[in-house]
Amino acid sequence: MDISSGIFGTMFMISNTLLYPVVIILLGLIAWSFVSAGQFISEYTSRNRDVKRLKAGCRDTRAKIENGDLNGAAAVLMDSGSNDLLKKFIKEISEILGAGNFPVEAEKLLQDYELKIAGELTQTRLVARVGPMLGLMGTLIPMGPALMGLSSGNIQQLAANLVIAFATTVLGLLAGGVAYSILLIKKKWYTQDLSDMEYVVEVLK
């Protein structure tokens, strides 16, 4: 009986100790959500995908490459970007036009951008999953003291812990919901960008 009481007491103590770290992390995730929402809106306003312009630019670039006008090809290609990420990719690929190992270098650059995009989405995906988990932890941890307060007739202790439990639930769901919404839309954006990058590489090979 003493052993089991010690084990359960240790578990209860560890659980209560985790409450403050969970709350602090949740507050950090909420701050991250507001910052990410602002960055998302800024990126949304700067995006203007123009496939026709990209295709026409790639055709003109290919023609200039065949005529030996690499400088003109690079200038046309750099003017074909439709958003910041694609413009940056086109700028970097225009710098290696005419290289003897262009197909290899272009493929390596494309893979680097795929990894960059995956890394960009990893943080958002992590918050979308961890936010609700931490919210659930913040809900369950105060329930122990709340039940103890209820059993002893301490209504104030019960109410205070229930407030913490409900607040952490809301914070966790809010952070997870914002991150998940951003993740879905950005994933679509970056899939389109990768498709455009692959098109540019294939045309210029």
C-alpha atoms as a PDB file:
ATOM      1  CA  MET A   1       0.000   0.000   0.000  1.00  0.00           C
ATOM      2  CA  ASP A   2       2.860   2.401   0.879  1.00  0.00           C
ATOM      3  CA  ILE A   3       4.654   1.574  -2.371  1.00  0.00           C
ATOM      4  CA  SER A   4       1.576   2.216  -4.500  1.00  0.00           C
ATOM      5  CA  SER A   5       0.876   5.466  -2.642  1.00  0.00           C
ATOM      6  CA  GLY A   6       4.436   6.601  -3.287  1.00  0.00           C
ATOM      7  CA  ILE A   7       4.189   5.749  -6.989  1.00  0.00           C
ATOM      8  CA  PHE A   8       0.859   7.526  -7.400  1.00  0.00           C
ATOM      9  CA  GLY A   9       2.118  10.502  -5.429  1.00  0.00           C
ATOM     10  CA  THR A  10       5.174  10.766  -7.672  1.00  0.00           C
ATOM     11  CA  MET A  11       3.002  10.576 -10.770  1.00  0.00           C
ATOM     12  CA  PHE A  12       0.737  13.312  -9.401  1.00  0.00           C
ATOM     13  CA  MET A  13       3.711  15.524  -8.563  1.00  0.00           C
ATOM     14  CA  ILE A  14       5.283  15.094 -12.021  1.00  0.00           C
ATOM     15  CA  SER A  15       1.938  15.802 -13.669  1.00  0.00           C
ATOM     16  CA  ASN A  16       1.457  19.034 -11.723  1.00  0.00           C
ATOM     17  CA  THR A  17       5.030  20.094 -12.452  1.00  0.00           C
ATOM     18  CA  LEU A  18       4.332  19.893 -16.180  1.00  0.00           C
ATOM     19  CA  LEU A  19       1.484  22.402 -16.026  1.00  0.00           C
ATOM     20  CA  TYR A  20       3.602  25.561 -16.139  1.00  0.00           C
ATOM     21  CA  PRO A  21       5.842  24.400 -19.025  1.00  0.00           C
ATOM     22  CA  VAL A  22       2.739  23.401 -20.980  1.00  0.00           C
ATOM     23  CA  VAL A  23       1.088  26.783 -20.401  1.00  0.00           C
ATOM     24  CA  ILE A  24       4.277  28.655 -21.366  1.00  0.00           C
ATOM     25  CA  ILE A  25       4.678  26.628 -24.571  1.00  0.00           C
ATOM     26  CA  LEU A  26       1.019  27.192 -25.439  1.00  0.00           C
ATOM     27  CA  LEU A  27       1.449  30.942 -25.032  1.00  0.00           C
ATOM     28  CA  GLY A  28       4.504  30.708 -27.295  1.00  0.00           C
ATOM     29  CA  LEU A  29       2.487  28.808 -29.900  1.00  0.00           C
ATOM     30  CA  ILE A  30      -0.225  31.469 -29.803  1.00  0.00           C
ATOM     31  CA  ALA A  31       2.402  34.162 -30.400  1.00  0.00           C
ATOM     32  CA  TRP A  32       3.802  32.052 -33.259  1.00  0.00           C
ATOM     33  CA  SER A  33       0.279  31.733 -34.711  1.00  0.00           C
ATOM     34  CA  PHE A  34      -0.203  35.503 -34.846  1.00  0.00           C
ATOM     35  CA  VAL A  35       3.207  36.036 -36.435  1.00  0.00           C
ATOM     36  CA  SER A  36       2.622  33.231 -38.959  1.00  0.00           C
ATOM     37  CA  ALA A  37      -0.810  34.594 -39.829  1.00  0.00           C
ATOM     38  CA  GLY A  38       0.761  37.974 -40.583  1.00  0.00           C
ATOM     39  CA  GLN A  39       3.470  36.383 -42.734  1.00  0.00           C
ATOM     40  CA  PHE A  40       0.828  34.296 -44.497  1.00  0.00           C
ATOM     41  CA  ILE A  41      -1.226  37.376 -45.386  1.00  0.00           C
ATOM     42  CA  SER A  42       1.899  39.170 -46.612  1.00  0.00           C
ATOM     43  CA  GLU A  43       2.858  36.200 -48.807  1.00  0.00           C
ATOM     44  CA  TYR A  44      -0.707  35.921 -50.118  1.00  0.00           C
ATOM     45  CA  THR A  45      -0.737  39.543 -51.264  1.00  0.00           C
ATOM     46  CA  SER A  46       2.607  39.113 -53.059  1.00  0.00           C
ATOM     47  CA  ARG A  47       1.657  35.958 -54.971  1.00  0.00           C
ATOM     48  CA  ASN A  48       0.569  36.317 -58.585  1.00  0.00           C
ATOM     49  CA  ARG A  49       0.940  33.056 -60.476  1.00  0.00           C
ATOM     50  CA  ASP A  50       1.035  33.673 -64.239  1.00  0.00           C
ATOM     51  CA  VAL A  51       1.548  30.385 -66.072  1.00  0.00           C
ATOM     52  CA  LYS A  52       1.230  31.914 -69.558  1.00  0.00           C
ATOM     53  CA  ARG A  53       3.969  34.414 -68.782  1.00  0.00           C
ATOM     54  CA  LEU A  54       6.197  31.656 -67.429  1.00  0.00           C
ATOM     55  CA  LYS A  55       5.701  29.426 -70.468  1.00  0.00           C
ATOM     56  CA  ALA A  56       6.298  32.285 -72.905  1.00  0.00           C
ATOM     57  CA  GLY A  57       9.439  33.293 -71.008  1.00  0.00           C
ATOM     58  CA  CYS A  58      10.777  29.736 -71.046  1.00  0.00           C
ATOM     59  CA  ARG A  59      10.168  29.431 -74.798  1.00  0.00           C
ATOM     60  CA  ASP A  60      11.939  32.715 -75.485  1.00  0.00           C
ATOM     61  CA  THR A  61      14.779  31.699 -73.184  1.00  0.00           C
ATOM     62  CA  ARG A  62      15.199  28.390 -74.986  1.00  0.00           C
ATOM     63  CA  ALA A  63      15.300  30.145 -78.337  1.00  0.00           C
ATOM     64  CA  LYS A  64      17.976  32.588 -77.173  1.00  0.00           C
ATOM     65  CA  ILE A  65      20.048  29.736 -75.727  1.00  0.00           C
ATOM     66  CA  GLU A  66      19.960  27.947 -79.077  1.00  0.00           C
ATOM     67  CA  ASN A  67      21.108  31.190 -80.742  1.00  0.00           C
ATOM     68  CA  GLY A  68      23.967  31.494 -78.254  1.00  0.00           C
ATOM     69  CA  ASP A  69      22.575  34.598 -76.517  1.00  0.00           C
ATOM     70  CA  LEU A  70      23.010  33.479 -72.910  1.00  0.00           C
ATOM     71  CA  ASN A  71      22.805  36.980 -71.448  1.00  0.00           C
ATOM     72  CA  GLY A  72      19.544  37.657 -73.242  1.00  0.00           C
ATOM     73  CA  ALA A  73      18.245  34.234 -72.200  1.00  0.00           C
ATOM     74  CA  ALA A  74      19.039  34.938 -68.573  1.00  0.00           C
ATOM     75  CA  ALA A  75      17.338  38.353 -68.747  1.00  0.00           C
ATOM     76  CA  VAL A  76      14.158  36.900 -70.276  1.00  0.00           C
ATOM     77  CA  LEU A  77      14.075  34.051 -67.788  1.00  0.00           C
ATOM     78  CA  MET A  78      14.509  36.333 -64.773  1.00  0.00           C
ATOM     79  CA  ASP A  79      11.543  38.393 -65.971  1.00  0.00           C
ATOM     80  CA  SER A  80       9.298  35.322 -66.016  1.00  0.00           C
ATOM     81  CA  GLY A  81       8.890  34.766 -62.268  1.00  0.00           C
ATOM     82  CA  SER A  82       5.438  35.158 -60.746  1.00  0.00           C
ATOM     83  CA  ASN A  83       6.153  35.111 -56.979  1.00  0.00           C
ATOM     84  CA  ASP A  84       9.103  35.620 -54.662  1.00  0.00           C
ATOM     85  CA  LEU A  85      10.045  31.930 -54.337  1.00  0.00           C
ATOM     86  CA  LEU A  86       9.838  31.263 -58.063  1.00  0.00           C
ATOM     87  CA  LYS A  87      11.701  34.487 -58.850  1.00  0.00           C
ATOM     88  CA  LYS A  88      14.520  33.427 -56.530  1.00  0.00           C
ATOM     89  CA  PHE A  89      14.671  29.987 -58.166  1.00  0.00           C
ATOM     90  CA  ILE A  90      14.726  31.500 -61.652  1.00  0.00           C
ATOM     91  CA  LYS A  91      17.445  33.946 -60.634  1.00  0.00           C
ATOM     92  CA  GLU A  92      19.640  31.109 -59.368  1.00  0.00           C
ATOM     93  CA  ILE A  93      19.022  28.870 -62.363  1.00  0.00           C
ATOM     94  CA  SER A  94      19.744  31.730 -64.769  1.00  0.00           C
ATOM     95  CA  GLU A  95      23.216  31.991 -63.231  1.00  0.00           C
ATOM     96  CA  ILE A  96      24.093  28.472 -64.367  1.00  0.00           C
ATOM     97  CA  LEU A  97      22.743  28.758 -67.929  1.00  0.00           C
ATOM     98  CA  GLY A  98      25.219  27.505 -70.497  1.00  0.00           C
ATOM     99  CA  ALA A  99      27.183  25.434 -68.020  1.00  0.00           C
ATOM    100  CA  GLY A 100      28.407  22.146 -69.409  1.00  0.00           C
ATOM    101  CA  ASN A 101      26.805  20.246 -66.566  1.00  0.00           C
ATOM    102  CA  PHE A 102      23.625  22.341 -66.550  1.00  0.00           C
ATOM    103  CA  PRO A 103      21.192  19.370 -66.283  1.00  0.00           C
ATOM    104  CA  VAL A 104      22.976  18.095 -63.187  1.00  0.00           C
ATOM    105  CA  GLU A 105      23.233  21.538 -61.569  1.00  0.00           C
ATOM    106  CA  ALA A 106      19.596  22.342 -62.384  1.00  0.00           C
ATOM    107  CA  GLU A 107      18.407  19.071 -60.886  1.00  0.00           C
ATOM    108  CA  LYS A 108      20.463  19.700 -57.746  1.00  0.00           C
ATOM    109  CA  LEU A 109      18.998  23.196 -57.419  1.00  0.00           C
ATOM    110  CA  LEU A 110      15.505  21.807 -57.820  1.00  0.00           C
ATOM    111  CA  GLN A 111      16.113  19.225 -55.095  1.00  0.00           C
ATOM    112  CA  ASP A 112      17.487  21.936 -52.797  1.00  0.00           C
ATOM    113  CA  TYR A 113      14.281  23.922 -53.225  1.00  0.00           C
ATOM    114  CA  GLU A 114      12.192  20.833 -52.545  1.00  0.00           C
ATOM    115  CA  LEU A 115      14.052  20.382 -49.256  1.00  0.00           C
ATOM    116  CA  LYS A 116      13.667  24.086 -48.474  1.00  0.00           C
ATOM    117  CA  ILE A 117       9.914  23.913 -49.025  1.00  0.00           C
ATOM    118  CA  ALA A 118       9.641  20.751 -46.944  1.00  0.00           C
ATOM    119  CA  GLY A 119      11.503  22.487 -44.123  1.00  0.00           C
ATOM    120  CA  GLU A 120       9.200  25.503 -44.408  1.00  0.00           C
ATOM    121  CA  LEU A 121       6.155  23.285 -43.948  1.00  0.00           C
ATOM    122  CA  THR A 122       7.652  21.141 -41.178  1.00  0.00           C
ATOM    123  CA  GLN A 123       7.336  23.826 -38.503  1.00  0.00           C
ATOM    124  CA  THR A 124       3.721  24.546 -39.411  1.00  0.00           C
ATOM    125  CA  ARG A 125       2.881  20.836 -39.494  1.00  0.00           C
ATOM    126  CA  LEU A 126       4.497  20.377 -36.073  1.00  0.00           C
ATOM    127  CA  VAL A 127       2.451  23.184 -34.505  1.00  0.00           C
ATOM    128  CA  ALA A 128      -0.739  21.820 -36.087  1.00  0.00           C
ATOM    129  CA  ARG A 129      -0.169  18.498 -34.324  1.00  0.00           C
ATOM    130  CA  VAL A 130       1.476  19.570 -31.090  1.00  0.00           C
ATOM    131  CA  GLY A 131      -0.911  22.442 -30.305  1.00  0.00           C
ATOM    132  CA  PRO A 132      -3.995  20.292 -29.623  1.00  0.00           C
ATOM    133  CA  MET A 133      -1.843  17.738 -27.761  1.00  0.00           C
ATOM    134  CA  LEU A 134      -0.536  20.389 -25.386  1.00  0.00           C
ATOM    135  CA  GLY A 135      -4.056  21.758 -25.039  1.00  0.00           C
ATOM    136  CA  LEU A 136      -5.231  18.323 -23.952  1.00  0.00           C
ATOM    137  CA  MET A 137      -2.374  18.052 -21.467  1.00  0.00           C
ATOM    138  CA  GLY A 138      -3.275  21.465 -20.099  1.00  0.00           C
ATOM    139  CA  THR A 139      -6.857  20.266 -19.734  1.00  0.00           C
ATOM    140  CA  LEU A 140      -6.099  17.027 -17.931  1.00  0.00           C
ATOM    141  CA  ILE A 141      -3.357  18.213 -15.564  1.00  0.00           C
ATOM    142  CA  PRO A 142      -5.561  20.634 -13.561  1.00  0.00           C
ATOM    143  CA  MET A 143      -8.352  18.062 -13.331  1.00  0.00           C
ATOM    144  CA  GLY A 144      -6.521  16.216 -10.526  1.00  0.00           C
ATOM    145  CA  PRO A 145      -6.388  19.224  -8.188  1.00  0.00           C
ATOM    146  CA  ALA A 146      -9.915  20.146  -9.257  1.00  0.00           C
ATOM    147  CA  LEU A 147     -11.257  16.745  -8.225  1.00  0.00           C
ATOM    148  CA  MET A 148      -9.353  16.941  -4.955  1.00  0.00           C
ATOM    149  CA  GLY A 149     -10.930  20.331  -4.320  1.00  0.00           C
ATOM    150  CA  LEU A 150     -14.351  18.915  -5.108  1.00  0.00           C
ATOM    151  CA  SER A 151     -13.858  15.999  -2.722  1.00  0.00           C
ATOM    152  CA  SER A 152     -12.832  18.353   0.087  1.00  0.00           C
ATOM    153  CA  GLY A 153     -15.591  20.852  -0.628  1.00  0.00           C
ATOM    154  CA  ASN A 154     -13.181  23.555  -1.796  1.00  0.00           C
ATOM    155  CA  ILE A 155     -15.233  25.087  -4.604  1.00  0.00           C
ATOM    156  CA  GLN A 156     -12.734  27.888  -5.184  1.00  0.00           C
ATOM    157  CA  GLN A 157      -9.946  25.397  -5.928  1.00  0.00           C
ATOM    158  CA  LEU A 158     -12.279  23.474  -8.212  1.00  0.00           C
ATOM    159  CA  ALA A 159     -13.285  26.595 -10.153  1.00  0.00           C
ATOM    160  CA  ALA A 160      -9.712  27.901 -10.491  1.00  0.00           C
ATOM    161  CA  ASN A 161      -8.432  24.629 -11.932  1.00  0.00           C
ATOM    162  CA  LEU A 162     -11.382  24.273 -14.305  1.00  0.00           C
ATOM    163  CA  VAL A 163     -10.681  27.746 -15.660  1.00  0.00           C
ATOM    164  CA  ILE A 164      -7.083  26.732 -16.375  1.00  0.00           C
ATOM    165  CA  ALA A 165      -8.256  23.492 -17.981  1.00  0.00           C
ATOM    166  CA  PHE A 166     -10.709  25.196 -20.344  1.00  0.00           C
ATOM    167  CA  ALA A 167      -8.310  28.046 -21.196  1.00  0.00           C
ATOM    168  CA  THR A 168      -5.503  25.690 -22.210  1.00  0.00           C
ATOM    169  CA  THR A 169      -7.923  23.692 -24.357  1.00  0.00           C
ATOM    170  CA  VAL A 170      -8.921  26.820 -26.248  1.00  0.00           C
ATOM    171  CA  LEU A 171      -5.300  27.938 -26.707  1.00  0.00           C
ATOM    172  CA  GLY A 172      -4.212  24.534 -27.994  1.00  0.00           C
ATOM    173  CA  LEU A 173      -7.089  24.287 -30.469  1.00  0.00           C
ATOM    174  CA  LEU A 174      -6.544  27.857 -31.654  1.00  0.00           C
ATOM    175  CA  ALA A 175      -2.827  27.322 -32.315  1.00  0.00           C
ATOM    176  CA  GLY A 176      -3.484  23.983 -34.013  1.00  0.00           C
ATOM    177  CA  GLY A 177      -6.347  25.356 -36.117  1.00  0.00           C
ATOM    178  CA  VAL A 178      -4.375  28.354 -37.375  1.00  0.00           C
ATOM    179  CA  ALA A 179      -1.333  26.198 -38.171  1.00  0.00           C
ATOM    180  CA  TYR A 180      -3.430  23.555 -39.955  1.00  0.00           C
ATOM    181  CA  SER A 181      -5.205  26.162 -42.091  1.00  0.00           C
ATOM    182  CA  ILE A 182      -1.901  27.771 -43.075  1.00  0.00           C
ATOM    183  CA  LEU A 183      -0.400  24.343 -43.784  1.00  0.00           C
ATOM    184  CA  LEU A 184      -3.157  23.326 -46.199  1.00  0.00           C
ATOM    185  CA  ILE A 185      -2.995  26.533 -48.231  1.00  0.00           C
ATOM    186  CA  LYS A 186       0.810  26.767 -48.274  1.00  0.00           C
ATOM    187  CA  LYS A 187       1.069  23.135 -49.325  1.00  0.00           C
ATOM    188  CA  LYS A 188      -1.064  23.926 -52.376  1.00  0.00           C
ATOM    189  CA  TRP A 189       1.001  27.026 -53.146  1.00  0.00           C
ATOM    190  CA  TYR A 190       4.322  25.226 -52.917  1.00  0.00           C
ATOM    191  CA  THR A 191       3.085  22.269 -54.955  1.00  0.00           C
ATOM    192  CA  GLN A 192       2.257  24.728 -57.741  1.00  0.00           C
ATOM    193  CA  ASP A 193       5.653  26.382 -57.345  1.00  0.00           C
ATOM    194  CA  LEU A 194       7.471  23.051 -57.581  1.00  0.00           C
ATOM    195  CA  SER A 195       5.478  22.195 -60.694  1.00  0.00           C
ATOM    196  CA  ASP A 196       6.559  25.498 -62.271  1.00  0.00           C
ATOM    197  CA  MET A 197      10.189  24.928 -61.238  1.00  0.00           C
ATOM    198  CA  GLU A 198      10.190  21.446 -62.770  1.00  0.00           C
ATOM    199  CA  TYR A 199       8.720  22.897 -65.958  1.00  0.00           C
ATOM    200  CA  VAL A 200      11.488  25.502 -66.157  1.00  0.00           C
ATOM    201  CA  VAL A 201      14.179  22.857 -65.651  1.00  0.00           C
ATOM    202  CA  GLU A 202      12.709  20.525 -68.269  1.00  0.00           C
ATOM    203  CA  VAL A 203      12.396  23.292 -70.874  1.00  0.00           C
ATOM    204  CA  LEU A 204      15.965  24.487 -70.367  1.00  0.00           C
ATOM    205  CA  LYS A 205      17.642  21.063 -70.390  1.00  0.00           C
END
